[in-house]
Every structure is written in structure tokens, then in C-alpha cells.
Amino acid sequence: MTATTPRTTPIEIVRAEIDTIVNERLALRQSGATANDLDRNRKQLADAQRRLSELLSMRHPLQLVD
């Protein structure tokens, strides 16, 4: 009997990335980061959230009802 390792999905990868970016944002705020640093982090977070949205949309396509 062989053990299988769970497969990491692209959605899980992006969610982990979002968690990392949010933790970085908290650290930036606590350390008194510049507005430019916070804005760069905000853009990273927005990009990761957009990618997550796209992945979820592909997994669960919208079905229109007549």
C-alpha cells in the first residue's frame, strides 16, 4: 500500500499567498512603513485577490437560468 500526499491546488496556493501578503501588511503597519510600501503591498494583495477570483470563477462557472 502506497501513501499519497494531498495535492495542492492553485486555489490553495493563492490563498496561502494572500495570507502571506496580509501578514506582511500587518508587519508593515506595525513598523511604520511608508505610504509607498503600503501601496505596493495593497497592489500585491489586490492582484492575488483578482487571481483567486478568476480561479474560483473557472471552478464554479456562472450558469444563467432562462
PDB file of N, CA and C in Angstrom:
ATOM      1  N   MET A   1       0.838  -1.166   0.000  1.00  0.00           N
ATOM      2  CA  MET A   1       0.000   0.000   0.000  1.00  0.00           C
ATOM      3  C   MET A   1       0.893   1.243   0.000  1.00  0.00           C
ATOM      4  N   THR A   2       0.624   2.172  -0.917  1.00  0.00           N
ATOM      5  CA  THR A   2       1.433   3.375  -1.005  1.00  0.00           C
ATOM      6  C   THR A   2       0.660   4.560  -0.444  1.00  0.00           C
ATOM      7  N   ALA A   3       1.376   5.396   0.243  1.00  0.00           N
ATOM      8  CA  ALA A   3       0.758   6.608   0.798  1.00  0.00           C
ATOM      9  C   ALA A   3       0.780   7.696  -0.264  1.00  0.00           C
ATOM     10  N   THR A   4      -0.296   8.423  -0.342  1.00  0.00           N
ATOM     11  CA  THR A   4      -0.350   9.535  -1.294  1.00  0.00           C
ATOM     12  C   THR A   4      -0.332  10.845  -0.519  1.00  0.00           C
ATOM     13  N   THR A   5       0.331  11.806  -1.097  1.00  0.00           N
ATOM     14  CA  THR A   5       0.339  13.126  -0.478  1.00  0.00           C
ATOM     15  C   THR A   5      -0.774  13.945  -1.100  1.00  0.00           C
ATOM     16  N   PRO A   6      -1.451  14.738  -0.281  1.00  0.00           N
ATOM     17  CA  PRO A   6      -2.524  15.557  -0.845  1.00  0.00           C
ATOM     18  C   PRO A   6      -1.972  16.549  -1.858  1.00  0.00           C
ATOM     19  N   ARG A   7      -2.706  16.726  -2.921  1.00  0.00           N
ATOM     20  CA  ARG A   7      -2.289  17.643  -3.974  1.00  0.00           C
ATOM     21  C   ARG A   7      -2.697  19.065  -3.618  1.00  0.00           C
ATOM     22  N   THR A   8      -1.779  19.979  -3.760  1.00  0.00           N
ATOM     23  CA  THR A   8      -2.077  21.386  -3.509  1.00  0.00           C
ATOM     24  C   THR A   8      -2.656  21.984  -4.783  1.00  0.00           C
ATOM     25  N   THR A   9      -3.817  22.592  -4.651  1.00  0.00           N
ATOM     26  CA  THR A   9      -4.477  23.168  -5.816  1.00  0.00           C
ATOM     27  C   THR A   9      -4.023  24.614  -6.014  1.00  0.00           C
ATOM     28  N   PRO A  10      -4.189  25.135  -7.212  1.00  0.00           N
ATOM     29  CA  PRO A  10      -3.865  26.549  -7.445  1.00  0.00           C
ATOM     30  C   PRO A  10      -4.632  27.484  -6.508  1.00  0.00           C
ATOM     31  N   ILE A  11      -5.863  27.132  -6.168  1.00  0.00           N
ATOM     32  CA  ILE A  11      -6.647  27.962  -5.254  1.00  0.00           C
ATOM     33  C   ILE A  11      -5.985  27.997  -3.884  1.00  0.00           C
ATOM     34  N   GLU A  12      -5.540  26.856  -3.402  1.00  0.00           N
ATOM     35  CA  GLU A  12      -4.866  26.804  -2.106  1.00  0.00           C
ATOM     36  C   GLU A  12      -3.566  27.598  -2.123  1.00  0.00           C
ATOM     37  N   ILE A  13      -2.861  27.551  -3.235  1.00  0.00           N
ATOM     38  CA  ILE A  13      -1.605  28.288  -3.356  1.00  0.00           C
ATOM     39  C   ILE A  13      -1.859  29.789  -3.277  1.00  0.00           C
ATOM     40  N   VAL A  14      -2.872  30.275  -3.998  1.00  0.00           N
ATOM     41  CA  VAL A  14      -3.167  31.713  -3.991  1.00  0.00           C
ATOM     42  C   VAL A  14      -3.703  32.139  -2.627  1.00  0.00           C
ATOM     43  N   ARG A  15      -4.507  31.289  -1.987  1.00  0.00           N
ATOM     44  CA  ARG A  15      -4.994  31.633  -0.643  1.00  0.00           C
ATOM     45  C   ARG A  15      -3.825  31.770   0.335  1.00  0.00           C
ATOM     46  N   ALA A  16      -2.860  30.880   0.225  1.00  0.00           N
ATOM     47  CA  ALA A  16      -1.670  30.968   1.094  1.00  0.00           C
ATOM     48  C   ALA A  16      -0.890  32.245   0.790  1.00  0.00           C
ATOM     49  N   GLU A  17      -0.820  32.601  -0.489  1.00  0.00           N
ATOM     50  CA  GLU A  17      -0.134  33.836  -0.873  1.00  0.00           C
ATOM     51  C   GLU A  17      -0.843  35.051  -0.273  1.00  0.00           C
ATOM     52  N   ILE A  18      -2.171  35.035  -0.298  1.00  0.00           N
ATOM     53  CA  ILE A  18      -2.945  36.133   0.280  1.00  0.00           C
ATOM     54  C   ILE A  18      -2.670  36.226   1.786  1.00  0.00           C
ATOM     55  N   ASP A  19      -2.649  35.093   2.454  1.00  0.00           N
ATOM     56  CA  ASP A  19      -2.338  35.094   3.885  1.00  0.00           C
ATOM     57  C   ASP A  19      -0.971  35.730   4.152  1.00  0.00           C
ATOM     58  N   THR A  20       0.008  35.378   3.325  1.00  0.00           N
ATOM     59  CA  THR A  20       1.357  35.928   3.477  1.00  0.00           C
ATOM     60  C   THR A  20       1.357  37.439   3.268  1.00  0.00           C
ATOM     61  N   ILE A  21       0.661  37.891   2.240  1.00  0.00           N
ATOM     62  CA  ILE A  21       0.613  39.325   1.940  1.00  0.00           C
ATOM     63  C   ILE A  21      -0.080  40.087   3.068  1.00  0.00           C
ATOM     64  N   VAL A  22      -1.158  39.523   3.605  1.00  0.00           N
ATOM     65  CA  VAL A  22      -1.873  40.182   4.711  1.00  0.00           C
ATOM     66  C   VAL A  22      -0.960  40.269   5.936  1.00  0.00           C
ATOM     67  N   ASN A  23      -0.239  39.198   6.233  1.00  0.00           N
ATOM     68  CA  ASN A  23       0.694  39.237   7.372  1.00  0.00           C
ATOM     69  C   ASN A  23       1.806  40.256   7.146  1.00  0.00           C
ATOM     70  N   GLU A  24       2.275  40.361   5.907  1.00  0.00           N
ATOM     71  CA  GLU A  24       3.280  41.374   5.588  1.00  0.00           C
ATOM     72  C   GLU A  24       2.711  42.773   5.802  1.00  0.00           C
ATOM     73  N   ARG A  25       1.442  42.966   5.435  1.00  0.00           N
ATOM     74  CA  ARG A  25       0.807  44.273   5.597  1.00  0.00           C
ATOM     75  C   ARG A  25       0.720  44.650   7.078  1.00  0.00           C
ATOM     76  N   LEU A  26       0.354  43.679   7.899  1.00  0.00           N
ATOM     77  CA  LEU A  26       0.290  43.933   9.337  1.00  0.00           C
ATOM     78  C   LEU A  26       1.667  44.327   9.874  1.00  0.00           C
ATOM     79  N   ALA A  27       2.699  43.619   9.424  1.00  0.00           N
ATOM     80  CA  ALA A  27       4.061  43.933   9.865  1.00  0.00           C
ATOM     81  C   ALA A  27       4.482  45.314   9.370  1.00  0.00           C
ATOM     82  N   LEU A  28       4.115  45.648   8.147  1.00  0.00           N
ATOM     83  CA  LEU A  28       4.444  46.970   7.607  1.00  0.00           C
ATOM     84  C   LEU A  28       3.801  48.068   8.449  1.00  0.00           C
ATOM     85  N   ARG A  29       2.532  47.878   8.784  1.00  0.00           N
ATOM     86  CA  ARG A  29       1.818  48.881   9.586  1.00  0.00           C
ATOM     87  C   ARG A  29       2.449  49.027  10.968  1.00  0.00           C
ATOM     88  N   GLN A  30       2.804  47.897  11.573  1.00  0.00           N
ATOM     89  CA  GLN A  30       3.393  47.942  12.914  1.00  0.00           C
ATOM     90  C   GLN A  30       4.762  48.609  12.917  1.00  0.00           C
ATOM     91  N   SER A  31       5.476  48.487  11.803  1.00  0.00           N
ATOM     92  CA  SER A  31       6.822  49.053  11.754  1.00  0.00           C
ATOM     93  C   SER A  31       6.841  50.487  11.233  1.00  0.00           C
ATOM     94  N   GLY A  32       5.657  51.047  10.961  1.00  0.00           N
ATOM     95  CA  GLY A  32       5.594  52.425  10.488  1.00  0.00           C
ATOM     96  C   GLY A  32       6.082  52.587   9.062  1.00  0.00           C
ATOM     97  N   ALA A  33       5.714  51.645   8.202  1.00  0.00           N
ATOM     98  CA  ALA A  33       6.147  51.667   6.807  1.00  0.00           C
ATOM     99  C   ALA A  33       5.667  52.929   6.093  1.00  0.00           C
ATOM    100  N   THR A  34       6.350  53.238   5.020  1.00  0.00           N
ATOM    101  CA  THR A  34       5.982  54.404   4.215  1.00  0.00           C
ATOM    102  C   THR A  34       4.704  54.131   3.431  1.00  0.00           C
ATOM    103  N   ALA A  35       4.081  55.204   2.975  1.00  0.00           N
ATOM    104  CA  ALA A  35       2.882  55.076   2.148  1.00  0.00           C
ATOM    105  C   ALA A  35       3.179  54.278   0.883  1.00  0.00           C
ATOM    106  N   ASN A  36       4.374  54.467   0.317  1.00  0.00           N
ATOM    107  CA  ASN A  36       4.742  53.722  -0.894  1.00  0.00           C
ATOM    108  C   ASN A  36       4.823  52.222  -0.620  1.00  0.00           C
ATOM    109  N   ASP A  37       5.394  51.843   0.524  1.00  0.00           N
ATOM    110  CA  ASP A  37       5.475  50.421   0.877  1.00  0.00           C
ATOM    111  C   ASP A  37       4.086  49.825   1.070  1.00  0.00           C
ATOM    112  N   LEU A  38       3.216  50.555   1.748  1.00  0.00           N
ATOM    113  CA  LEU A  38       1.859  50.077   1.960  1.00  0.00           C
ATOM    114  C   LEU A  38       1.093  49.990   0.644  1.00  0.00           C
ATOM    115  N   ASP A  39       1.304  50.947  -0.251  1.00  0.00           N
ATOM    116  CA  ASP A  39       0.624  50.926  -1.538  1.00  0.00           C
ATOM    117  C   ASP A  39       1.099  49.744  -2.380  1.00  0.00           C
ATOM    118  N   ARG A  40       2.384  49.461  -2.349  1.00  0.00           N
ATOM    119  CA  ARG A  40       2.923  48.312  -3.085  1.00  0.00           C
ATOM    120  C   ARG A  40       2.297  47.013  -2.549  1.00  0.00           C
ATOM    121  N   ASN A  41       2.185  46.917  -1.237  1.00  0.00           N
ATOM    122  CA  ASN A  41       1.574  45.747  -0.617  1.00  0.00           C
ATOM    123  C   ASN A  41       0.092  45.647  -0.995  1.00  0.00           C
ATOM    124  N   ARG A  42      -0.595  46.787  -1.011  1.00  0.00           N
ATOM    125  CA  ARG A  42      -2.016  46.808  -1.381  1.00  0.00           C
ATOM    126  C   ARG A  42      -2.216  46.295  -2.795  1.00  0.00           C
ATOM    127  N   LYS A  43      -1.325  46.710  -3.698  1.00  0.00           N
ATOM    128  CA  LYS A  43      -1.419  46.262  -5.091  1.00  0.00           C
ATOM    129  C   LYS A  43      -1.155  44.762  -5.202  1.00  0.00           C
ATOM    130  N   GLN A  44      -0.208  44.255  -4.421  1.00  0.00           N
ATOM    131  CA  GLN A  44       0.055  42.815  -4.412  1.00  0.00           C
ATOM    132  C   GLN A  44      -1.175  42.054  -3.927  1.00  0.00           C
ATOM    133  N   LEU A  45      -1.807  42.576  -2.881  1.00  0.00           N
ATOM    134  CA  LEU A  45      -2.996  41.928  -2.334  1.00  0.00           C
ATOM    135  C   LEU A  45      -4.139  41.957  -3.345  1.00  0.00           C
ATOM    136  N   ALA A  46      -4.360  43.081  -3.980  1.00  0.00           N
ATOM    137  CA  ALA A  46      -5.424  43.190  -4.982  1.00  0.00           C
ATOM    138  C   ALA A  46      -5.185  42.228  -6.136  1.00  0.00           C
ATOM    139  N   ASP A  47      -3.937  42.096  -6.579  1.00  0.00           N
ATOM    140  CA  ASP A  47      -3.614  41.183  -7.668  1.00  0.00           C
ATOM    141  C   ASP A  47      -3.883  39.734  -7.257  1.00  0.00           C
ATOM    142  N   ALA A  48      -3.474  39.364  -6.062  1.00  0.00           N
ATOM    143  CA  ALA A  48      -3.695  37.993  -5.591  1.00  0.00           C
ATOM    144  C   ALA A  48      -5.192  37.716  -5.435  1.00  0.00           C
ATOM    145  N   GLN A  49      -5.951  38.680  -4.941  1.00  0.00           N
ATOM    146  CA  GLN A  49      -7.395  38.504  -4.799  1.00  0.00           C
ATOM    147  C   GLN A  49      -8.066  38.368  -6.161  1.00  0.00           C
ATOM    148  N   ARG A  50      -7.579  39.122  -7.150  1.00  0.00           N
ATOM    149  CA  ARG A  50      -8.124  39.004  -8.514  1.00  0.00           C
ATOM    150  C   ARG A  50      -7.868  37.608  -9.068  1.00  0.00           C
ATOM    151  N   ARG A  51      -6.632  37.106  -8.875  1.00  0.00           N
ATOM    152  CA  ARG A  51      -6.306  35.762  -9.353  1.00  0.00           C
ATOM    153  C   ARG A  51      -7.158  34.699  -8.669  1.00  0.00           C
ATOM    154  N   LEU A  52      -7.391  34.867  -7.363  1.00  0.00           N
ATOM    155  CA  LEU A  52      -8.235  33.921  -6.647  1.00  0.00           C
ATOM    156  C   LEU A  52      -9.650  33.954  -7.211  1.00  0.00           C
ATOM    157  N   SER A  53     -10.153  35.142  -7.458  1.00  0.00           N
ATOM    158  CA  SER A  53     -11.491  35.288  -8.028  1.00  0.00           C
ATOM    159  C   SER A  53     -11.591  34.587  -9.382  1.00  0.00           C
ATOM    160  N   GLU A  54     -10.581  34.752 -10.215  1.00  0.00           N
ATOM    161  CA  GLU A  54     -10.574  34.102 -11.529  1.00  0.00           C
ATOM    162  C   GLU A  54     -10.556  32.583 -11.387  1.00  0.00           C
ATOM    163  N   LEU A  55      -9.732  32.077 -10.474  1.00  0.00           N
ATOM    164  CA  LEU A  55      -9.668  30.627 -10.258  1.00  0.00           C
ATOM    165  C   LEU A  55     -11.005  30.082  -9.767  1.00  0.00           C
ATOM    166  N   LEU A  56     -11.625  30.786  -8.838  1.00  0.00           N
ATOM    167  CA  LEU A  56     -12.921  30.344  -8.329  1.00  0.00           C
ATOM    168  C   LEU A  56     -13.995  30.416  -9.413  1.00  0.00           C
ATOM    169  N   SER A  57     -13.920  31.427 -10.266  1.00  0.00           N
ATOM    170  CA  SER A  57     -14.885  31.556 -11.367  1.00  0.00           C
ATOM    171  C   SER A  57     -14.738  30.413 -12.358  1.00  0.00           C
ATOM    172  N   MET A  58     -13.514  29.970 -12.590  1.00  0.00           N
ATOM    173  CA  MET A  58     -13.295  28.837 -13.501  1.00  0.00           C
ATOM    174  C   MET A  58     -13.814  27.542 -12.884  1.00  0.00           C
ATOM    175  N   ARG A  59     -13.684  27.424 -11.567  1.00  0.00           N
ATOM    176  CA  ARG A  59     -14.132  26.215 -10.893  1.00  0.00           C
ATOM    177  C   ARG A  59     -15.663  26.157 -10.830  1.00  0.00           C
ATOM    178  N   HIS A  60     -16.282  27.313 -10.634  1.00  0.00           N
ATOM    179  CA  HIS A  60     -17.725  27.399 -10.479  1.00  0.00           C
ATOM    180  C   HIS A  60     -18.296  28.410 -11.461  1.00  0.00           C
ATOM    181  N   PRO A  61     -18.374  28.025 -12.749  1.00  0.00           N
ATOM    182  CA  PRO A  61     -18.849  28.998 -13.743  1.00  0.00           C
ATOM    183  C   PRO A  61     -20.306  29.411 -13.484  1.00  0.00           C
ATOM    184  N   LEU A  62     -20.592  30.636 -13.811  1.00  0.00           N
ATOM    185  CA  LEU A  62     -21.934  31.185 -13.667  1.00  0.00           C
ATOM    186  C   LEU A  62     -22.848  30.510 -14.672  1.00  0.00           C
ATOM    187  N   GLN A  63     -23.971  30.028 -14.199  1.00  0.00           N
ATOM    188  CA  GLN A  63     -24.940  29.407 -15.092  1.00  0.00           C
ATOM    189  C   GLN A  63     -26.202  30.257 -15.103  1.00  0.00           C
ATOM    190  N   LEU A  64     -26.513  30.778 -16.282  1.00  0.00           N
ATOM    191  CA  LEU A  64     -27.698  31.609 -16.408  1.00  0.00           C
ATOM    192  C   LEU A  64     -28.931  30.732 -16.550  1.00  0.00           C
ATOM    193  N   VAL A  65     -30.016  31.147 -15.929  1.00  0.00           N
ATOM    194  CA  VAL A  65     -31.276  30.406 -15.980  1.00  0.00           C
ATOM    195  C   VAL A  65     -32.224  31.177 -16.874  1.00  0.00           C
ATOM    196  N   ASP A  66     -32.873  30.458 -17.770  1.00  0.00           N
ATOM    197  CA  ASP A  66     -33.869  31.099 -18.651  1.00  0.00           C
ATOM    198  C   ASP A  66     -35.119  31.438 -17.920  1.00  0.00           C
TER     199      ASP A  66
END
